Amino acid sequence: MTQKLFWQNPYQTEHDTVVSSVEGAQITLESTIFFAFSGGQESDHGTIGGYEVVSAIKNNLEIIYTLPDDHQLRLGEPVRIEIDWERRHRLMRLHFAAELVLELFYKKIPGIKKVGAHIAQNKARIDFEWPESISPLLPEFSDEANRIIESGLKIHTDFDDMESERRYWEIEGFSKVPCGGTHVRTTREIGPIKLKRNNIGRGKERVDILLVT
């Protein structure tokens, strides 16, 4: 099973490791800093052994990387991972912005149901079951989220269960939430955000979350 170093240090951009399996274009590694799509957060972009990673997919507790068909990597070969830091950092910021906004909705609107989420480099989104336009609620949620962001609260992450790799984030006095993504150290690192309503069909509302800077 791949050791997932992106949880220990999500700010690491290069890492030397060893290929632990090869099956055609798909490989696994002894350890990695390259995040694979999970919980709505998109995968990192970057290279392994100089080859562009085509996809990164979680398979139970393993991560399978797909490289170009003509890659020359072999079992046991030392390789260097390099990730696109600008993309990773934006994903980290937007990921936690979405986590923060979702928690505010849960706290202020009991019974509201999340039915989808996605974290990309340009924006995050959360989909809710909601019977009417969510627009009137967004100024209050935006103000509260930005107040928390500006306050610079520390974000703690750890395992609830190391064997099954169940993780959480916690802001003391605010929330403790199961989550296996990558996170910034403090809320201030997110920077100002804005919220935008997007109607996606009857009984469903989407909130887009965008970084202001």
C-alpha atoms as a PDB file:
ATOM      1  CA  MET A   1       0.000   0.000   0.000  1.00  0.00           C
ATOM      2  CA  THR A   2       1.298   3.416  -0.941  1.00  0.00           C
ATOM      3  CA  GLN A   3       2.433   5.666   1.912  1.00  0.00           C
ATOM      4  CA  LYS A   4       0.512   8.922   1.430  1.00  0.00           C
ATOM      5  CA  LEU A   5       2.844  11.749   2.304  1.00  0.00           C
ATOM      6  CA  PHE A   6       0.466  14.471   1.044  1.00  0.00           C
ATOM      7  CA  TRP A   7      -1.281  14.157   4.415  1.00  0.00           C
ATOM      8  CA  GLN A   8       1.930  14.619   6.397  1.00  0.00           C
ATOM      9  CA  ASN A   9       3.074  17.628   4.393  1.00  0.00           C
ATOM     10  CA  PRO A  10       0.647  18.958   1.754  1.00  0.00           C
ATOM     11  CA  TYR A  11       3.184  21.692   0.912  1.00  0.00           C
ATOM     12  CA  GLN A  12       5.807  19.250  -0.420  1.00  0.00           C
ATOM     13  CA  THR A  13       6.202  19.573  -4.190  1.00  0.00           C
ATOM     14  CA  GLU A  14       8.959  16.997  -4.949  1.00  0.00           C
ATOM     15  CA  HIS A  15       9.568  13.522  -3.610  1.00  0.00           C
ATOM     16  CA  ASP A  16      11.879  10.609  -4.400  1.00  0.00           C
ATOM     17  CA  THR A  17      10.351   7.138  -4.199  1.00  0.00           C
ATOM     18  CA  VAL A  18      10.384   3.690  -5.845  1.00  0.00           C
ATOM     19  CA  VAL A  19       8.006   2.014  -8.303  1.00  0.00           C
ATOM     20  CA  SER A  20       6.227  -0.824  -6.464  1.00  0.00           C
ATOM     21  CA  SER A  21       4.231  -2.308  -9.366  1.00  0.00           C
ATOM     22  CA  VAL A  22       3.862  -1.933 -13.129  1.00  0.00           C
ATOM     23  CA  GLU A  23       0.965  -3.189 -15.217  1.00  0.00           C
ATOM     24  CA  GLY A  24       1.066  -1.662 -18.665  1.00  0.00           C
ATOM     25  CA  ALA A  25       0.545   2.082 -18.343  1.00  0.00           C
ATOM     26  CA  GLN A  26      -0.518   1.769 -14.710  1.00  0.00           C
ATOM     27  CA  ILE A  27       1.933   1.917 -11.825  1.00  0.00           C
ATOM     28  CA  THR A  28       1.942   2.130  -8.045  1.00  0.00           C
ATOM     29  CA  LEU A  29       4.575   3.670  -5.786  1.00  0.00           C
ATOM     30  CA  GLU A  30       6.050   2.928  -2.366  1.00  0.00           C
ATOM     31  CA  SER A  31       5.212   6.472  -1.247  1.00  0.00           C
ATOM     32  CA  THR A  32       3.666   9.533  -2.851  1.00  0.00           C
ATOM     33  CA  ILE A  33       2.893  13.236  -2.587  1.00  0.00           C
ATOM     34  CA  PHE A  34       0.598  13.061  -5.647  1.00  0.00           C
ATOM     35  CA  PHE A  35      -3.041  13.350  -4.518  1.00  0.00           C
ATOM     36  CA  ALA A  36      -5.647  11.222  -6.340  1.00  0.00           C
ATOM     37  CA  PHE A  37      -9.252  12.312  -6.906  1.00  0.00           C
ATOM     38  CA  SER A  38     -11.203  11.805  -3.691  1.00  0.00           C
ATOM     39  CA  GLY A  39     -14.107  13.398  -1.865  1.00  0.00           C
ATOM     40  CA  GLY A  40     -14.771  15.714  -4.799  1.00  0.00           C
ATOM     41  CA  GLN A  41     -11.230  17.134  -4.811  1.00  0.00           C
ATOM     42  CA  GLU A  42      -9.539  16.781  -8.202  1.00  0.00           C
ATOM     43  CA  SER A  43      -6.196  15.027  -8.586  1.00  0.00           C
ATOM     44  CA  ASP A  44      -2.900  16.817  -8.664  1.00  0.00           C
ATOM     45  CA  HIS A  45      -1.125  17.444 -11.967  1.00  0.00           C
ATOM     46  CA  GLY A  46       2.540  16.626 -12.409  1.00  0.00           C
ATOM     47  CA  THR A  47       5.103  14.016 -13.379  1.00  0.00           C
ATOM     48  CA  ILE A  48       6.466  10.702 -12.118  1.00  0.00           C
ATOM     49  CA  GLY A  49       9.938   9.797 -13.327  1.00  0.00           C
ATOM     50  CA  GLY A  50       9.665  12.598 -15.884  1.00  0.00           C
ATOM     51  CA  TYR A  51       6.426  11.223 -17.379  1.00  0.00           C
ATOM     52  CA  GLU A  52       3.216  13.243 -17.276  1.00  0.00           C
ATOM     53  CA  VAL A  53       0.583  11.597 -15.080  1.00  0.00           C
ATOM     54  CA  VAL A  54      -2.504  10.899 -17.187  1.00  0.00           C
ATOM     55  CA  SER A  55      -4.718  10.017 -14.207  1.00  0.00           C
ATOM     56  CA  ALA A  56      -4.528   9.199 -10.498  1.00  0.00           C
ATOM     57  CA  ILE A  57      -7.239   6.964  -9.071  1.00  0.00           C
ATOM     58  CA  LYS A  58      -7.896   5.586  -5.602  1.00  0.00           C
ATOM     59  CA  ASN A  59      -8.531   1.828  -5.476  1.00  0.00           C
ATOM     60  CA  ASN A  60      -9.521   1.024  -1.891  1.00  0.00           C
ATOM     61  CA  LEU A  61      -6.419   2.183   0.030  1.00  0.00           C
ATOM     62  CA  GLU A  62      -4.108   2.054  -2.987  1.00  0.00           C
ATOM     63  CA  ILE A  63      -3.422   4.787  -5.556  1.00  0.00           C
ATOM     64  CA  ILE A  64      -2.994   3.780  -9.185  1.00  0.00           C
ATOM     65  CA  TYR A  65      -1.233   6.185 -11.523  1.00  0.00           C
ATOM     66  CA  THR A  66      -1.665   5.977 -15.295  1.00  0.00           C
ATOM     67  CA  LEU A  67       1.283   7.159 -17.371  1.00  0.00           C
ATOM     68  CA  PRO A  68       1.680   7.431 -21.163  1.00  0.00           C
ATOM     69  CA  ASP A  69       1.607   4.023 -22.865  1.00  0.00           C
ATOM     70  CA  ASP A  70       5.236   4.378 -23.959  1.00  0.00           C
ATOM     71  CA  HIS A  71       6.677   4.988 -20.479  1.00  0.00           C
ATOM     72  CA  GLN A  72       9.796   2.965 -19.616  1.00  0.00           C
ATOM     73  CA  LEU A  73       9.482   2.667 -15.831  1.00  0.00           C
ATOM     74  CA  ARG A  74      10.202  -0.720 -14.245  1.00  0.00           C
ATOM     75  CA  LEU A  75       9.463  -2.427 -10.944  1.00  0.00           C
ATOM     76  CA  GLY A  76      11.877  -1.251  -8.235  1.00  0.00           C
ATOM     77  CA  GLU A  77      13.069   1.754 -10.232  1.00  0.00           C
ATOM     78  CA  PRO A  78      13.792   4.961  -8.288  1.00  0.00           C
ATOM     79  CA  VAL A  79      11.670   7.882  -9.500  1.00  0.00           C
ATOM     80  CA  ARG A  80      11.034  11.499  -8.611  1.00  0.00           C
ATOM     81  CA  ILE A  81       7.521  12.914  -8.280  1.00  0.00           C
ATOM     82  CA  GLU A  82       6.987  16.584  -9.109  1.00  0.00           C
ATOM     83  CA  ILE A  83       3.581  18.223  -8.708  1.00  0.00           C
ATOM     84  CA  ASP A  84       2.133  21.476 -10.025  1.00  0.00           C
ATOM     85  CA  TRP A  85       2.283  23.541  -6.833  1.00  0.00           C
ATOM     86  CA  GLU A  86       0.142  26.450  -8.045  1.00  0.00           C
ATOM     87  CA  ARG A  87      -2.678  24.034  -8.834  1.00  0.00           C
ATOM     88  CA  ARG A  88      -2.260  22.098  -5.552  1.00  0.00           C
ATOM     89  CA  HIS A  89      -2.353  25.265  -3.485  1.00  0.00           C
ATOM     90  CA  ARG A  90      -5.505  26.565  -5.185  1.00  0.00           C
ATOM     91  CA  LEU A  91      -7.152  23.178  -4.658  1.00  0.00           C
ATOM     92  CA  MET A  92      -6.207  23.273  -0.969  1.00  0.00           C
ATOM     93  CA  ARG A  93      -7.614  26.778  -0.559  1.00  0.00           C
ATOM     94  CA  LEU A  94     -10.843  26.054  -2.434  1.00  0.00           C
ATOM     95  CA  HIS A  95     -11.251  22.698  -0.711  1.00  0.00           C
ATOM     96  CA  PHE A  96     -11.246  24.227   2.723  1.00  0.00           C
ATOM     97  CA  ALA A  97     -13.356  27.172   1.613  1.00  0.00           C
ATOM     98  CA  ALA A  98     -15.985  24.633   0.523  1.00  0.00           C
ATOM     99  CA  GLU A  99     -15.665  22.729   3.811  1.00  0.00           C
ATOM    100  CA  LEU A 100     -16.163  25.953   5.735  1.00  0.00           C
ATOM    101  CA  VAL A 101     -19.193  27.049   3.725  1.00  0.00           C
ATOM    102  CA  LEU A 102     -20.781  23.600   4.021  1.00  0.00           C
ATOM    103  CA  GLU A 103     -20.377  23.596   7.800  1.00  0.00           C
ATOM    104  CA  LEU A 104     -22.014  27.027   8.001  1.00  0.00           C
ATOM    105  CA  PHE A 105     -24.998  25.727   6.027  1.00  0.00           C
ATOM    106  CA  TYR A 106     -25.297  22.701   8.311  1.00  0.00           C
ATOM    107  CA  LYS A 107     -25.128  24.865  11.423  1.00  0.00           C
ATOM    108  CA  LYS A 108     -27.596  27.519  10.254  1.00  0.00           C
ATOM    109  CA  ILE A 109     -30.080  25.390   8.274  1.00  0.00           C
ATOM    110  CA  PRO A 110     -30.801  22.137  10.155  1.00  0.00           C
ATOM    111  CA  GLY A 111     -31.886  19.357   7.823  1.00  0.00           C
ATOM    112  CA  ILE A 112     -30.377  20.773   4.644  1.00  0.00           C
ATOM    113  CA  LYS A 113     -28.917  17.976   2.519  1.00  0.00           C
ATOM    114  CA  LYS A 114     -25.755  18.057   0.433  1.00  0.00           C
ATOM    115  CA  VAL A 115     -26.156  15.986  -2.738  1.00  0.00           C
ATOM    116  CA  GLY A 116     -22.855  16.729  -4.481  1.00  0.00           C
ATOM    117  CA  ALA A 117     -19.579  18.624  -4.399  1.00  0.00           C
ATOM    118  CA  HIS A 118     -16.579  19.229  -6.624  1.00  0.00           C
ATOM    119  CA  ILE A 119     -13.279  21.030  -6.059  1.00  0.00           C
ATOM    120  CA  ALA A 120     -11.471  22.237  -9.180  1.00  0.00           C
ATOM    121  CA  GLN A 121      -8.637  24.708  -9.682  1.00  0.00           C
ATOM    122  CA  ASN A 122     -10.889  27.596 -10.706  1.00  0.00           C
ATOM    123  CA  LYS A 123     -13.779  27.100  -8.280  1.00  0.00           C
ATOM    124  CA  ALA A 124     -15.508  24.769  -5.854  1.00  0.00           C
ATOM    125  CA  ARG A 125     -19.186  23.909  -5.780  1.00  0.00           C
ATOM    126  CA  ILE A 126     -21.676  22.366  -3.375  1.00  0.00           C
ATOM    127  CA  ASP A 127     -25.067  21.024  -4.482  1.00  0.00           C
ATOM    128  CA  PHE A 128     -28.010  21.003  -2.088  1.00  0.00           C
ATOM    129  CA  GLU A 129     -31.541  19.687  -2.053  1.00  0.00           C
ATOM    130  CA  TRP A 130     -33.426  22.928  -1.475  1.00  0.00           C
ATOM    131  CA  PRO A 131     -36.943  23.916  -2.592  1.00  0.00           C
ATOM    132  CA  GLU A 132     -36.333  27.583  -3.439  1.00  0.00           C
ATOM    133  CA  SER A 133     -33.679  30.030  -4.554  1.00  0.00           C
ATOM    134  CA  ILE A 134     -30.732  29.981  -2.214  1.00  0.00           C
ATOM    135  CA  SER A 135     -29.609  33.472  -3.303  1.00  0.00           C
ATOM    136  CA  PRO A 136     -31.106  35.414  -0.340  1.00  0.00           C
ATOM    137  CA  LEU A 137     -28.990  33.353   2.065  1.00  0.00           C
ATOM    138  CA  LEU A 138     -25.650  33.879   0.368  1.00  0.00           C
ATOM    139  CA  PRO A 139     -24.707  37.383   1.608  1.00  0.00           C
ATOM    140  CA  GLU A 140     -24.938  36.238   5.230  1.00  0.00           C
ATOM    141  CA  PHE A 141     -22.997  33.022   4.567  1.00  0.00           C
ATOM    142  CA  SER A 142     -20.361  34.888   2.570  1.00  0.00           C
ATOM    143  CA  ASP A 143     -19.859  37.470   5.323  1.00  0.00           C
ATOM    144  CA  GLU A 144     -19.595  34.798   8.013  1.00  0.00           C
ATOM    145  CA  ALA A 145     -17.209  32.644   5.998  1.00  0.00           C
ATOM    146  CA  ASN A 146     -14.938  35.609   5.267  1.00  0.00           C
ATOM    147  CA  ARG A 147     -14.989  36.624   8.914  1.00  0.00           C
ATOM    148  CA  ILE A 148     -13.770  33.146   9.905  1.00  0.00           C
ATOM    149  CA  ILE A 149     -11.184  33.159   7.116  1.00  0.00           C
ATOM    150  CA  GLU A 150      -9.807  36.538   8.185  1.00  0.00           C
ATOM    151  CA  SER A 151      -9.576  35.438  11.821  1.00  0.00           C
ATOM    152  CA  GLY A 152      -6.773  33.008  10.932  1.00  0.00           C
ATOM    153  CA  LEU A 153      -7.992  29.992  12.878  1.00  0.00           C
ATOM    154  CA  LYS A 154      -5.676  26.974  13.014  1.00  0.00           C
ATOM    155  CA  ILE A 155      -6.803  23.920  11.023  1.00  0.00           C
ATOM    156  CA  HIS A 156      -5.789  20.636  12.647  1.00  0.00           C
ATOM    157  CA  THR A 157      -5.792  17.361  10.666  1.00  0.00           C
ATOM    158  CA  ASP A 158      -5.170  13.777  11.797  1.00  0.00           C
ATOM    159  CA  PHE A 159      -6.367  10.178  11.638  1.00  0.00           C
ATOM    160  CA  ASP A 160      -9.518   8.928  13.318  1.00  0.00           C
ATOM    161  CA  ASP A 161      -8.465   5.428  12.273  1.00  0.00           C
ATOM    162  CA  MET A 162      -4.983   5.003  10.842  1.00  0.00           C
ATOM    163  CA  GLU A 163      -5.468   1.428   9.617  1.00  0.00           C
ATOM    164  CA  SER A 164      -8.453   2.345   7.446  1.00  0.00           C
ATOM    165  CA  GLU A 165      -6.992   5.789   6.656  1.00  0.00           C
ATOM    166  CA  ARG A 166     -10.011   7.675   7.959  1.00  0.00           C
ATOM    167  CA  ARG A 167      -9.008  11.291   8.546  1.00  0.00           C
ATOM    168  CA  TYR A 168     -10.568  14.502   9.798  1.00  0.00           C
ATOM    169  CA  TRP A 169     -10.030  18.227  10.031  1.00  0.00           C
ATOM    170  CA  GLU A 170     -10.846  20.245  13.119  1.00  0.00           C
ATOM    171  CA  ILE A 171     -11.086  23.882  14.101  1.00  0.00           C
ATOM    172  CA  GLU A 172     -11.305  23.999  17.865  1.00  0.00           C
ATOM    173  CA  GLY A 173     -14.623  25.422  18.997  1.00  0.00           C
ATOM    174  CA  PHE A 174     -16.101  25.309  15.490  1.00  0.00           C
ATOM    175  CA  SER A 175     -16.264  21.797  13.965  1.00  0.00           C
ATOM    176  CA  LYS A 176     -14.595  18.418  13.585  1.00  0.00           C
ATOM    177  CA  VAL A 177     -15.335  16.844  10.183  1.00  0.00           C
ATOM    178  CA  PRO A 178     -14.294  13.572   8.476  1.00  0.00           C
ATOM    179  CA  CYS A 179     -12.182  14.442   5.420  1.00  0.00           C
ATOM    180  CA  GLY A 180      -9.274  12.892   3.511  1.00  0.00           C
ATOM    181  CA  GLY A 181      -8.301  15.861   1.353  1.00  0.00           C
ATOM    182  CA  THR A 182      -5.340  18.233   1.544  1.00  0.00           C
ATOM    183  CA  HIS A 183      -5.706  21.321   3.721  1.00  0.00           C
ATOM    184  CA  VAL A 184      -4.108  24.687   4.387  1.00  0.00           C
ATOM    185  CA  ARG A 185      -2.694  25.399   7.845  1.00  0.00           C
ATOM    186  CA  THR A 186      -4.968  28.287   8.802  1.00  0.00           C
ATOM    187  CA  THR A 187      -8.186  29.810   7.534  1.00  0.00           C
ATOM    188  CA  ARG A 188      -6.417  33.062   6.583  1.00  0.00           C
ATOM    189  CA  GLU A 189      -4.436  31.194   3.924  1.00  0.00           C
ATOM    190  CA  ILE A 190      -7.673  30.657   1.972  1.00  0.00           C
ATOM    191  CA  GLY A 191      -8.038  34.372   1.256  1.00  0.00           C
ATOM    192  CA  PRO A 192     -11.336  36.178   0.580  1.00  0.00           C
ATOM    193  CA  ILE A 193     -14.071  34.221  -1.169  1.00  0.00           C
ATOM    194  CA  LYS A 194     -17.358  34.990  -2.863  1.00  0.00           C
ATOM    195  CA  LEU A 195     -20.445  32.810  -3.259  1.00  0.00           C
ATOM    196  CA  LYS A 196     -22.660  32.562  -6.312  1.00  0.00           C
ATOM    197  CA  ARG A 197     -25.969  30.761  -6.798  1.00  0.00           C
ATOM    198  CA  ASN A 198     -26.422  28.375  -9.709  1.00  0.00           C
ATOM    199  CA  ASN A 199     -29.814  26.698 -10.213  1.00  0.00           C
ATOM    200  CA  ILE A 200     -29.314  23.145 -11.494  1.00  0.00           C
ATOM    201  CA  GLY A 201     -32.879  21.861 -11.597  1.00  0.00           C
ATOM    202  CA  ARG A 202     -36.089  21.588  -9.667  1.00  0.00           C
ATOM    203  CA  GLY A 203     -35.459  21.182  -5.973  1.00  0.00           C
ATOM    204  CA  LYS A 204     -31.680  21.494  -6.303  1.00  0.00           C
ATOM    205  CA  GLU A 205     -29.471  24.510  -5.748  1.00  0.00           C
ATOM    206  CA  ARG A 206     -25.752  24.899  -6.415  1.00  0.00           C
ATOM    207  CA  VAL A 207     -23.444  27.237  -4.555  1.00  0.00           C
ATOM    208  CA  ASP A 208     -20.265  28.143  -6.462  1.00  0.00           C
ATOM    209  CA  ILE A 209     -17.305  29.184  -4.302  1.00  0.00           C
ATOM    210  CA  LEU A 210     -14.657  31.380  -5.876  1.00  0.00           C
ATOM    211  CA  LEU A 211     -11.392  32.873  -4.656  1.00  0.00           C
ATOM    212  CA  VAL A 212     -11.295  36.651  -4.892  1.00  0.00           C
ATOM    213  CA  THR A 213      -7.484  36.697  -5.221  1.00  0.00           C
END
